Amino acid sequence: MRVFRPDGLRFSPGKTWSRPDWDVNHSWLTSGDYDGDGRTDVARIADAEPGTQLTGIVLSVALSDGSSFRRDRVWGNEPTVRRDEMLTLGRTG
C-alpha cells in the first residue's frame, strides 16, 4: 500500500507500508477524522492478527498528527465475524 503523508501544506512522496503476512488484500482501509482534531486518520478493518488475544475482525485506527501517523490501536472487535464473511453479509444486490 502506498501512503502519502501530509506536512500541513502538501503530501510527501509516497512510501510503501507492508509487513510479513500482511498486505492490502488482507484488510479494508478507509480514512476520516476519527478523533475530531481536523486531521485525516486511517482506519483498518481486518481479521485479527495471529499472536493476539483477539478473534474475528478488528477495527484499528492510526491517528494523524499532521505529519505522520501514530501506531494504530484497536478501537473495536467483533469476535464472531471474519472479514471474508463480511463480503457476503454486506451485499444487498
PDB file of N, CA and C in Angstrom:
ATOM      1  N   MET A   1       0.856  -1.157   0.000  1.00  0.00           N
ATOM      2  CA  MET A   1       0.000   0.000   0.000  1.00  0.00           C
ATOM      3  C   MET A   1       0.904   1.222   0.000  1.00  0.00           C
ATOM      4  N   ARG A   2       0.589   2.200  -0.835  1.00  0.00           N
ATOM      5  CA  ARG A   2       1.352   3.452  -0.889  1.00  0.00           C
ATOM      6  C   ARG A   2       0.673   4.488  -0.006  1.00  0.00           C
ATOM      7  N   VAL A   3       1.447   5.120   0.849  1.00  0.00           N
ATOM      8  CA  VAL A   3       0.928   6.138   1.760  1.00  0.00           C
ATOM      9  C   VAL A   3       1.655   7.448   1.479  1.00  0.00           C
ATOM     10  N   PHE A   4       0.878   8.524   1.342  1.00  0.00           N
ATOM     11  CA  PHE A   4       1.419   9.853   1.084  1.00  0.00           C
ATOM     12  C   PHE A   4       1.135  10.705   2.316  1.00  0.00           C
ATOM     13  N   ARG A   5       2.147  10.981   3.126  1.00  0.00           N
ATOM     14  CA  ARG A   5       1.956  11.706   4.374  1.00  0.00           C
ATOM     15  C   ARG A   5       1.888  13.212   4.150  1.00  0.00           C
ATOM     16  N   PRO A   6       0.968  13.881   4.844  1.00  0.00           N
ATOM     17  CA  PRO A   6       0.869  15.340   4.714  1.00  0.00           C
ATOM     18  C   PRO A   6       1.824  16.038   5.673  1.00  0.00           C
ATOM     19  N   ASP A   7       2.254  17.247   5.307  1.00  0.00           N
ATOM     20  CA  ASP A   7       3.031  18.066   6.244  1.00  0.00           C
ATOM     21  C   ASP A   7       2.264  19.326   6.638  1.00  0.00           C
ATOM     22  N   GLY A   8       0.990  19.365   6.297  1.00  0.00           N
ATOM     23  CA  GLY A   8       0.155  20.519   6.596  1.00  0.00           C
ATOM     24  C   GLY A   8      -0.095  21.386   5.380  1.00  0.00           C
ATOM     25  N   LEU A   9       0.825  21.345   4.395  1.00  0.00           N
ATOM     26  CA  LEU A   9       0.687  22.138   3.170  1.00  0.00           C
ATOM     27  C   LEU A   9       0.619  21.270   1.914  1.00  0.00           C
ATOM     28  N   ARG A  10       1.270  20.130   1.953  1.00  0.00           N
ATOM     29  CA  ARG A  10       1.336  19.256   0.776  1.00  0.00           C
ATOM     30  C   ARG A  10       1.585  17.822   1.246  1.00  0.00           C
ATOM     31  N   PHE A  11       1.595  16.895   0.284  1.00  0.00           N
ATOM     32  CA  PHE A  11       1.869  15.499   0.591  1.00  0.00           C
ATOM     33  C   PHE A  11       3.291  15.154   0.181  1.00  0.00           C
ATOM     34  N   SER A  12       3.966  14.366   1.000  1.00  0.00           N
ATOM     35  CA  SER A  12       5.317  13.915   0.690  1.00  0.00           C
ATOM     36  C   SER A  12       5.270  12.797  -0.352  1.00  0.00           C
ATOM     37  N   PRO A  13       6.415  12.466  -0.963  1.00  0.00           N
ATOM     38  CA  PRO A  13       6.424  11.322  -1.887  1.00  0.00           C
ATOM     39  C   PRO A  13       5.936  10.070  -1.163  1.00  0.00           C
ATOM     40  N   GLY A  14       5.279   9.193  -1.888  1.00  0.00           N
ATOM     41  CA  GLY A  14       4.689   8.002  -1.284  1.00  0.00           C
ATOM     42  C   GLY A  14       5.720   7.008  -0.793  1.00  0.00           C
ATOM     43  N   LYS A  15       5.357   6.305   0.291  1.00  0.00           N
ATOM     44  CA  LYS A  15       6.159   5.201   0.819  1.00  0.00           C
ATOM     45  C   LYS A  15       5.266   3.975   0.897  1.00  0.00           C
ATOM     46  N   THR A  16       5.861   2.813   0.742  1.00  0.00           N
ATOM     47  CA  THR A  16       5.104   1.570   0.800  1.00  0.00           C
ATOM     48  C   THR A  16       5.014   1.084   2.239  1.00  0.00           C
ATOM     49  N   TRP A  17       3.783   0.814   2.686  1.00  0.00           N
ATOM     50  CA  TRP A  17       3.551   0.234   4.011  1.00  0.00           C
ATOM     51  C   TRP A  17       3.212  -1.231   3.818  1.00  0.00           C
ATOM     52  N   SER A  18       3.944  -2.101   4.458  1.00  0.00           N
ATOM     53  CA  SER A  18       3.642  -3.528   4.439  1.00  0.00           C
ATOM     54  C   SER A  18       4.441  -4.187   5.552  1.00  0.00           C
ATOM     55  N   ARG A  19       4.136  -5.440   5.808  1.00  0.00           N
ATOM     56  CA  ARG A  19       4.913  -6.243   6.740  1.00  0.00           C
ATOM     57  C   ARG A  19       4.678  -7.707   6.368  1.00  0.00           C
ATOM     58  N   PRO A  20       5.499  -8.613   6.861  1.00  0.00           N
ATOM     59  CA  PRO A  20       5.319 -10.023   6.508  1.00  0.00           C
ATOM     60  C   PRO A  20       3.897 -10.496   6.841  1.00  0.00           C
ATOM     61  N   ASP A  21       3.331 -11.298   5.977  1.00  0.00           N
ATOM     62  CA  ASP A  21       1.998 -11.875   6.150  1.00  0.00           C
ATOM     63  C   ASP A  21       0.877 -10.853   6.127  1.00  0.00           C
ATOM     64  N   TRP A  22       1.128  -9.637   5.642  1.00  0.00           N
ATOM     65  CA  TRP A  22       0.063  -8.640   5.544  1.00  0.00           C
ATOM     66  C   TRP A  22       0.286  -7.804   4.300  1.00  0.00           C
ATOM     67  N   ASP A  23      -0.781  -7.555   3.596  1.00  0.00           N
ATOM     68  CA  ASP A  23      -0.769  -6.586   2.505  1.00  0.00           C
ATOM     69  C   ASP A  23      -2.187  -6.055   2.358  1.00  0.00           C
ATOM     70  N   VAL A  24      -2.405  -5.189   1.414  1.00  0.00           N
ATOM     71  CA  VAL A  24      -3.699  -4.529   1.274  1.00  0.00           C
ATOM     72  C   VAL A  24      -4.831  -5.521   1.014  1.00  0.00           C
ATOM     73  N   ASN A  25      -4.519  -6.713   0.506  1.00  0.00           N
ATOM     74  CA  ASN A  25      -5.559  -7.715   0.245  1.00  0.00           C
ATOM     75  C   ASN A  25      -6.105  -8.355   1.515  1.00  0.00           C
ATOM     76  N   HIS A  26      -5.462  -8.146   2.658  1.00  0.00           N
ATOM     77  CA  HIS A  26      -5.900  -8.745   3.914  1.00  0.00           C
ATOM     78  C   HIS A  26      -6.734  -7.794   4.765  1.00  0.00           C
ATOM     79  N   SER A  27      -7.057  -6.640   4.244  1.00  0.00           N
ATOM     80  CA  SER A  27      -7.812  -5.688   5.064  1.00  0.00           C
ATOM     81  C   SER A  27      -8.550  -4.693   4.177  1.00  0.00           C
ATOM     82  N   TRP A  28      -9.451  -3.949   4.808  1.00  0.00           N
ATOM     83  CA  TRP A  28     -10.112  -2.817   4.168  1.00  0.00           C
ATOM     84  C   TRP A  28      -9.599  -1.565   4.854  1.00  0.00           C
ATOM     85  N   LEU A  29      -9.248  -0.572   4.074  1.00  0.00           N
ATOM     86  CA  LEU A  29      -8.756   0.689   4.612  1.00  0.00           C
ATOM     87  C   LEU A  29      -9.735   1.800   4.293  1.00  0.00           C
ATOM     88  N   THR A  30      -9.851   2.738   5.200  1.00  0.00           N
ATOM     89  CA  THR A  30     -10.667   3.920   4.973  1.00  0.00           C
ATOM     90  C   THR A  30     -10.038   5.060   5.758  1.00  0.00           C
ATOM     91  N   SER A  31     -10.485   6.268   5.505  1.00  0.00           N
ATOM     92  CA  SER A  31      -9.925   7.412   6.216  1.00  0.00           C
ATOM     93  C   SER A  31     -11.044   8.325   6.691  1.00  0.00           C
ATOM     94  N   GLY A  32     -10.743   9.136   7.670  1.00  0.00           N
ATOM     95  CA  GLY A  32     -11.699  10.086   8.223  1.00  0.00           C
ATOM     96  C   GLY A  32     -11.109  10.735   9.449  1.00  0.00           C
ATOM     97  N   ASP A  33     -11.776  11.715   9.971  1.00  0.00           N
ATOM     98  CA  ASP A  33     -11.323  12.403  11.181  1.00  0.00           C
ATOM     99  C   ASP A  33     -11.956  11.718  12.392  1.00  0.00           C
ATOM    100  N   TYR A  34     -11.355  10.627  12.838  1.00  0.00           N
ATOM    101  CA  TYR A  34     -11.962   9.794  13.868  1.00  0.00           C
ATOM    102  C   TYR A  34     -11.849  10.364  15.283  1.00  0.00           C
ATOM    103  N   ASP A  35     -10.885  11.239  15.518  1.00  0.00           N
ATOM    104  CA  ASP A  35     -10.749  11.809  16.868  1.00  0.00           C
ATOM    105  C   ASP A  35     -11.178  13.275  16.943  1.00  0.00           C
ATOM    106  N   GLY A  36     -11.707  13.822  15.842  1.00  0.00           N
ATOM    107  CA  GLY A  36     -12.263  15.172  15.849  1.00  0.00           C
ATOM    108  C   GLY A  36     -11.263  16.301  15.920  1.00  0.00           C
ATOM    109  N   ASP A  37      -9.993  16.047  15.536  1.00  0.00           N
ATOM    110  CA  ASP A  37      -8.988  17.112  15.615  1.00  0.00           C
ATOM    111  C   ASP A  37      -8.775  17.839  14.288  1.00  0.00           C
ATOM    112  N   GLY A  38      -9.570  17.505  13.264  1.00  0.00           N
ATOM    113  CA  GLY A  38      -9.449  18.172  11.972  1.00  0.00           C
ATOM    114  C   GLY A  38      -8.441  17.530  11.033  1.00  0.00           C
ATOM    115  N   ARG A  39      -7.762  16.482  11.461  1.00  0.00           N
ATOM    116  CA  ARG A  39      -6.785  15.791  10.620  1.00  0.00           C
ATOM    117  C   ARG A  39      -7.369  14.458  10.146  1.00  0.00           C
ATOM    118  N   THR A  40      -6.916  14.009   8.985  1.00  0.00           N
ATOM    119  CA  THR A  40      -7.411  12.751   8.439  1.00  0.00           C
ATOM    120  C   THR A  40      -6.616  11.583   8.997  1.00  0.00           C
ATOM    121  N   ASP A  41      -7.322  10.648   9.629  1.00  0.00           N
ATOM    122  CA  ASP A  41      -6.735   9.461  10.216  1.00  0.00           C
ATOM    123  C   ASP A  41      -7.009   8.266   9.304  1.00  0.00           C
ATOM    124  N   VAL A  42      -6.355   7.133   9.554  1.00  0.00           N
ATOM    125  CA  VAL A  42      -6.526   5.928   8.755  1.00  0.00           C
ATOM    126  C   VAL A  42      -7.110   4.833   9.634  1.00  0.00           C
ATOM    127  N   ALA A  43      -8.165   4.172   9.141  1.00  0.00           N
ATOM    128  CA  ALA A  43      -8.768   3.051   9.854  1.00  0.00           C
ATOM    129  C   ALA A  43      -8.630   1.791   9.004  1.00  0.00           C
ATOM    130  N   ARG A  44      -8.486   0.666   9.687  1.00  0.00           N
ATOM    131  CA  ARG A  44      -8.321  -0.624   9.014  1.00  0.00           C
ATOM    132  C   ARG A  44      -9.259  -1.640   9.647  1.00  0.00           C
ATOM    133  N   ILE A  45      -9.994  -2.354   8.808  1.00  0.00           N
ATOM    134  CA  ILE A  45     -10.805  -3.489   9.254  1.00  0.00           C
ATOM    135  C   ILE A  45     -10.130  -4.730   8.691  1.00  0.00           C
ATOM    136  N   ALA A  46      -9.775  -5.655   9.583  1.00  0.00           N
ATOM    137  CA  ALA A  46      -9.045  -6.844   9.148  1.00  0.00           C
ATOM    138  C   ALA A  46      -9.325  -8.001  10.087  1.00  0.00           C
ATOM    139  N   ASP A  47      -8.993  -9.199   9.634  1.00  0.00           N
ATOM    140  CA  ASP A  47      -9.033 -10.337  10.540  1.00  0.00           C
ATOM    141  C   ASP A  47      -8.026 -10.101  11.661  1.00  0.00           C
ATOM    142  N   ALA A  48      -8.335 -10.593  12.849  1.00  0.00           N
ATOM    143  CA  ALA A  48      -7.416 -10.466  13.987  1.00  0.00           C
ATOM    144  C   ALA A  48      -6.078 -11.099  13.626  1.00  0.00           C
ATOM    145  N   GLU A  49      -5.010 -10.462  14.061  1.00  0.00           N
ATOM    146  CA  GLU A  49      -3.683 -10.961  13.738  1.00  0.00           C
ATOM    147  C   GLU A  49      -3.305 -12.117  14.649  1.00  0.00           C
ATOM    148  N   PRO A  50      -2.579 -13.097  14.100  1.00  0.00           N
ATOM    149  CA  PRO A  50      -2.113 -14.204  14.928  1.00  0.00           C
ATOM    150  C   PRO A  50      -1.263 -13.681  16.092  1.00  0.00           C
ATOM    151  N   GLY A  51      -1.307 -14.363  17.205  1.00  0.00           N
ATOM    152  CA  GLY A  51      -0.497 -13.969  18.356  1.00  0.00           C
ATOM    153  C   GLY A  51      -1.165 -12.953  19.262  1.00  0.00           C
ATOM    154  N   THR A  52      -2.384 -12.531  18.927  1.00  0.00           N
ATOM    155  CA  THR A  52      -3.119 -11.612  19.802  1.00  0.00           C
ATOM    156  C   THR A  52      -4.225 -12.396  20.496  1.00  0.00           C
ATOM    157  N   GLN A  53      -4.839 -11.801  21.469  1.00  0.00           N
ATOM    158  CA  GLN A  53      -5.949 -12.430  22.187  1.00  0.00           C
ATOM    159  C   GLN A  53      -7.271 -12.261  21.437  1.00  0.00           C
ATOM    160  N   LEU A  54      -7.253 -11.554  20.313  1.00  0.00           N
ATOM    161  CA  LEU A  54      -8.474 -11.235  19.586  1.00  0.00           C
ATOM    162  C   LEU A  54      -8.801 -12.297  18.544  1.00  0.00           C
ATOM    163  N   THR A  55     -10.086 -12.431  18.238  1.00  0.00           N
ATOM    164  CA  THR A  55     -10.542 -13.303  17.161  1.00  0.00           C
ATOM    165  C   THR A  55     -11.520 -12.512  16.297  1.00  0.00           C
ATOM    166  N   GLY A  56     -11.891 -13.072  15.147  1.00  0.00           N
ATOM    167  CA  GLY A  56     -12.846 -12.391  14.278  1.00  0.00           C
ATOM    168  C   GLY A  56     -12.227 -11.194  13.592  1.00  0.00           C
ATOM    169  N   ILE A  57     -13.009 -10.122  13.435  1.00  0.00           N
ATOM    170  CA  ILE A  57     -12.499  -8.912  12.784  1.00  0.00           C
ATOM    171  C   ILE A  57     -12.159  -7.846  13.819  1.00  0.00           C
ATOM    172  N   VAL A  58     -11.233  -6.976  13.438  1.00  0.00           N
ATOM    173  CA  VAL A  58     -10.738  -5.928  14.330  1.00  0.00           C
ATOM    174  C   VAL A  58     -10.747  -4.597  13.576  1.00  0.00           C
ATOM    175  N   LEU A  59     -11.211  -3.546  14.247  1.00  0.00           N
ATOM    176  CA  LEU A  59     -11.116  -2.183  13.729  1.00  0.00           C
ATOM    177  C   LEU A  59      -9.952  -1.514  14.430  1.00  0.00           C
ATOM    178  N   SER A  60      -8.937  -1.105  13.657  1.00  0.00           N
ATOM    179  CA  SER A  60      -7.778  -0.401  14.194  1.00  0.00           C
ATOM    180  C   SER A  60      -7.697   0.970  13.554  1.00  0.00           C
ATOM    181  N   VAL A  61      -7.264   1.967  14.317  1.00  0.00           N
ATOM    182  CA  VAL A  61      -7.162   3.334  13.818  1.00  0.00           C
ATOM    183  C   VAL A  61      -5.766   3.873  14.090  1.00  0.00           C
ATOM    184  N   ALA A  62      -5.146   4.465  13.060  1.00  0.00           N
ATOM    185  CA  ALA A  62      -3.872   5.165  13.195  1.00  0.00           C
ATOM    186  C   ALA A  62      -4.185   6.658  13.108  1.00  0.00           C
ATOM    187  N   LEU A  63      -3.987   7.370  14.214  1.00  0.00           N
ATOM    188  CA  LEU A  63      -4.305   8.798  14.276  1.00  0.00           C
ATOM    189  C   LEU A  63      -3.183   9.629  13.674  1.00  0.00           C
ATOM    190  N   SER A  64      -3.561  10.686  12.968  1.00  0.00           N
ATOM    191  CA  SER A  64      -2.593  11.584  12.347  1.00  0.00           C
ATOM    192  C   SER A  64      -2.218  12.714  13.300  1.00  0.00           C
ATOM    193  N   ASP A  65      -0.931  13.116  13.247  1.00  0.00           N
ATOM    194  CA  ASP A  65      -0.522  14.325  13.972  1.00  0.00           C
ATOM    195  C   ASP A  65      -0.220  15.462  12.995  1.00  0.00           C
ATOM    196  N   GLY A  66      -0.577  15.260  11.739  1.00  0.00           N
ATOM    197  CA  GLY A  66      -0.359  16.277  10.710  1.00  0.00           C
ATOM    198  C   GLY A  66       0.825  15.976   9.825  1.00  0.00           C
ATOM    199  N   SER A  67       1.827  15.229  10.341  1.00  0.00           N
ATOM    200  CA  SER A  67       2.975  14.870   9.517  1.00  0.00           C
ATOM    201  C   SER A  67       3.275  13.380   9.544  1.00  0.00           C
ATOM    202  N   SER A  68       2.663  12.656  10.443  1.00  0.00           N
ATOM    203  CA  SER A  68       2.835  11.203  10.497  1.00  0.00           C
ATOM    204  C   SER A  68       1.622  10.592  11.189  1.00  0.00           C
ATOM    205  N   PHE A  69       1.593   9.272  11.226  1.00  0.00           N
ATOM    206  CA  PHE A  69       0.515   8.562  11.899  1.00  0.00           C
ATOM    207  C   PHE A  69       1.068   7.857  13.118  1.00  0.00           C
ATOM    208  N   ARG A  70       0.360   7.963  14.230  1.00  0.00           N
ATOM    209  CA  ARG A  70       0.737   7.200  15.413  1.00  0.00           C
ATOM    210  C   ARG A  70       0.425   5.737  15.166  1.00  0.00           C
ATOM    211  N   ARG A  71       1.109   4.871  15.859  1.00  0.00           N
ATOM    212  CA  ARG A  71       0.869   3.426  15.721  1.00  0.00           C
ATOM    213  C   ARG A  71      -0.614   3.142  15.906  1.00  0.00           C
ATOM    214  N   ASP A  72      -1.153   2.269  15.042  1.00  0.00           N
ATOM    215  CA  ASP A  72      -2.582   2.001  15.124  1.00  0.00           C
ATOM    216  C   ASP A  72      -2.939   1.277  16.416  1.00  0.00           C
ATOM    217  N   ARG A  73      -4.130   1.576  16.906  1.00  0.00           N
ATOM    218  CA  ARG A  73      -4.661   0.965  18.128  1.00  0.00           C
ATOM    219  C   ARG A  73      -6.031   0.369  17.820  1.00  0.00           C
ATOM    220  N   VAL A  74      -6.341  -0.708  18.506  1.00  0.00           N
ATOM    221  CA  VAL A  74      -7.628  -1.365  18.315  1.00  0.00           C
ATOM    222  C   VAL A  74      -8.722  -0.500  18.917  1.00  0.00           C
ATOM    223  N   TRP A  75      -9.746  -0.191  18.115  1.00  0.00           N
ATOM    224  CA  TRP A  75     -10.905   0.581  18.574  1.00  0.00           C
ATOM    225  C   TRP A  75     -12.137  -0.292  18.704  1.00  0.00           C
ATOM    226  N   GLY A  76     -12.117  -1.491  18.123  1.00  0.00           N
ATOM    227  CA  GLY A  76     -13.278  -2.367  18.205  1.00  0.00           C
ATOM    228  C   GLY A  76     -12.949  -3.764  17.728  1.00  0.00           C
ATOM    229  N   ASN A  77     -13.759  -4.731  18.145  1.00  0.00           N
ATOM    230  CA  ASN A  77     -13.548  -6.128  17.784  1.00  0.00           C
ATOM    231  C   ASN A  77     -14.899  -6.828  17.719  1.00  0.00           C
ATOM    232  N   GLU A  78     -15.111  -7.589  16.665  1.00  0.00           N
ATOM    233  CA  GLU A  78     -16.312  -8.425  16.548  1.00  0.00           C
ATOM    234  C   GLU A  78     -15.825  -9.865  16.432  1.00  0.00           C
ATOM    235  N   PRO A  79     -15.787 -10.590  17.539  1.00  0.00           N
ATOM    236  CA  PRO A  79     -15.145 -11.908  17.547  1.00  0.00           C
ATOM    237  C   PRO A  79     -15.852 -12.984  16.746  1.00  0.00           C
ATOM    238  N   THR A  80     -17.121 -12.826  16.403  1.00  0.00           N
ATOM    239  CA  THR A  80     -17.852 -13.910  15.733  1.00  0.00           C
ATOM    240  C   THR A  80     -17.894 -13.775  14.215  1.00  0.00           C
ATOM    241  N   VAL A  81     -17.279 -12.724  13.649  1.00  0.00           N
ATOM    242  CA  VAL A  81     -17.318 -12.498  12.195  1.00  0.00           C
ATOM    243  C   VAL A  81     -15.897 -12.398  11.659  1.00  0.00           C
ATOM    244  N   ARG A  82     -15.679 -13.021  10.491  1.00  0.00           N
ATOM    245  CA  ARG A  82     -14.390 -12.884   9.811  1.00  0.00           C
ATOM    246  C   ARG A  82     -14.576 -11.949   8.622  1.00  0.00           C
ATOM    247  N   ARG A  83     -13.479 -11.355   8.180  1.00  0.00           N
ATOM    248  CA  ARG A  83     -13.524 -10.369   7.106  1.00  0.00           C
ATOM    249  C   ARG A  83     -14.147 -10.931   5.838  1.00  0.00           C
ATOM    250  N   ASP A  84     -13.801 -12.163   5.461  1.00  0.00           N
ATOM    251  CA  ASP A  84     -14.359 -12.725   4.229  1.00  0.00           C
ATOM    252  C   ASP A  84     -15.862 -12.954   4.342  1.00  0.00           C
ATOM    253  N   GLU A  85     -16.389 -13.141   5.540  1.00  0.00           N
ATOM    254  CA  GLU A  85     -17.834 -13.269   5.729  1.00  0.00           C
ATOM    255  C   GLU A  85     -18.539 -11.931   5.550  1.00  0.00           C
ATOM    256  N   MET A  86     -17.853 -10.839   5.829  1.00  0.00           N
ATOM    257  CA  MET A  86     -18.451  -9.509   5.679  1.00  0.00           C
ATOM    258  C   MET A  86     -18.769  -9.216   4.221  1.00  0.00           C
ATOM    259  N   LEU A  87     -17.979  -9.768   3.301  1.00  0.00           N
ATOM    260  CA  LEU A  87     -18.276  -9.554   1.889  1.00  0.00           C
ATOM    261  C   LEU A  87     -19.645 -10.074   1.543  1.00  0.00           C
ATOM    262  N   THR A  88     -20.021 -11.204   2.105  1.00  0.00           N
ATOM    263  CA  THR A  88     -21.338 -11.783   1.860  1.00  0.00           C
ATOM    264  C   THR A  88     -22.410 -11.052   2.646  1.00  0.00           C
ATOM    265  N   LEU A  89     -22.142 -10.769   3.925  1.00  0.00           N
ATOM    266  CA  LEU A  89     -23.147 -10.129   4.774  1.00  0.00           C
ATOM    267  C   LEU A  89     -23.508  -8.725   4.309  1.00  0.00           C
ATOM    268  N   GLY A  90     -22.538  -8.007   3.725  1.00  0.00           N
ATOM    269  CA  GLY A  90     -22.762  -6.630   3.323  1.00  0.00           C
ATOM    270  C   GLY A  90     -23.425  -6.453   1.978  1.00  0.00           C
ATOM    271  N   ARG A  91     -23.552  -7.497   1.199  1.00  0.00           N
ATOM    272  CA  ARG A  91     -24.135  -7.379  -0.144  1.00  0.00           C
ATOM    273  C   ARG A  91     -25.645  -7.231  -0.051  1.00  0.00           C
ATOM    274  N   THR A  92     -26.154  -6.332  -0.874  1.00  0.00           N
ATOM    275  CA  THR A  92     -27.606  -6.131  -0.903  1.00  0.00           C
ATOM    276  C   THR A  92     -28.191  -6.480  -2.260  1.00  0.00           C
ATOM    277  N   GLY A  93     -27.378  -6.679  -3.248  1.00  0.00           N
ATOM    278  CA  GLY A  93     -27.920  -6.944  -4.576  1.00  0.00           C
ATOM    279  C   GLY A  93     -27.188  -7.999  -5.321  1.00  0.00           C
TER     280      GLY A  93
END
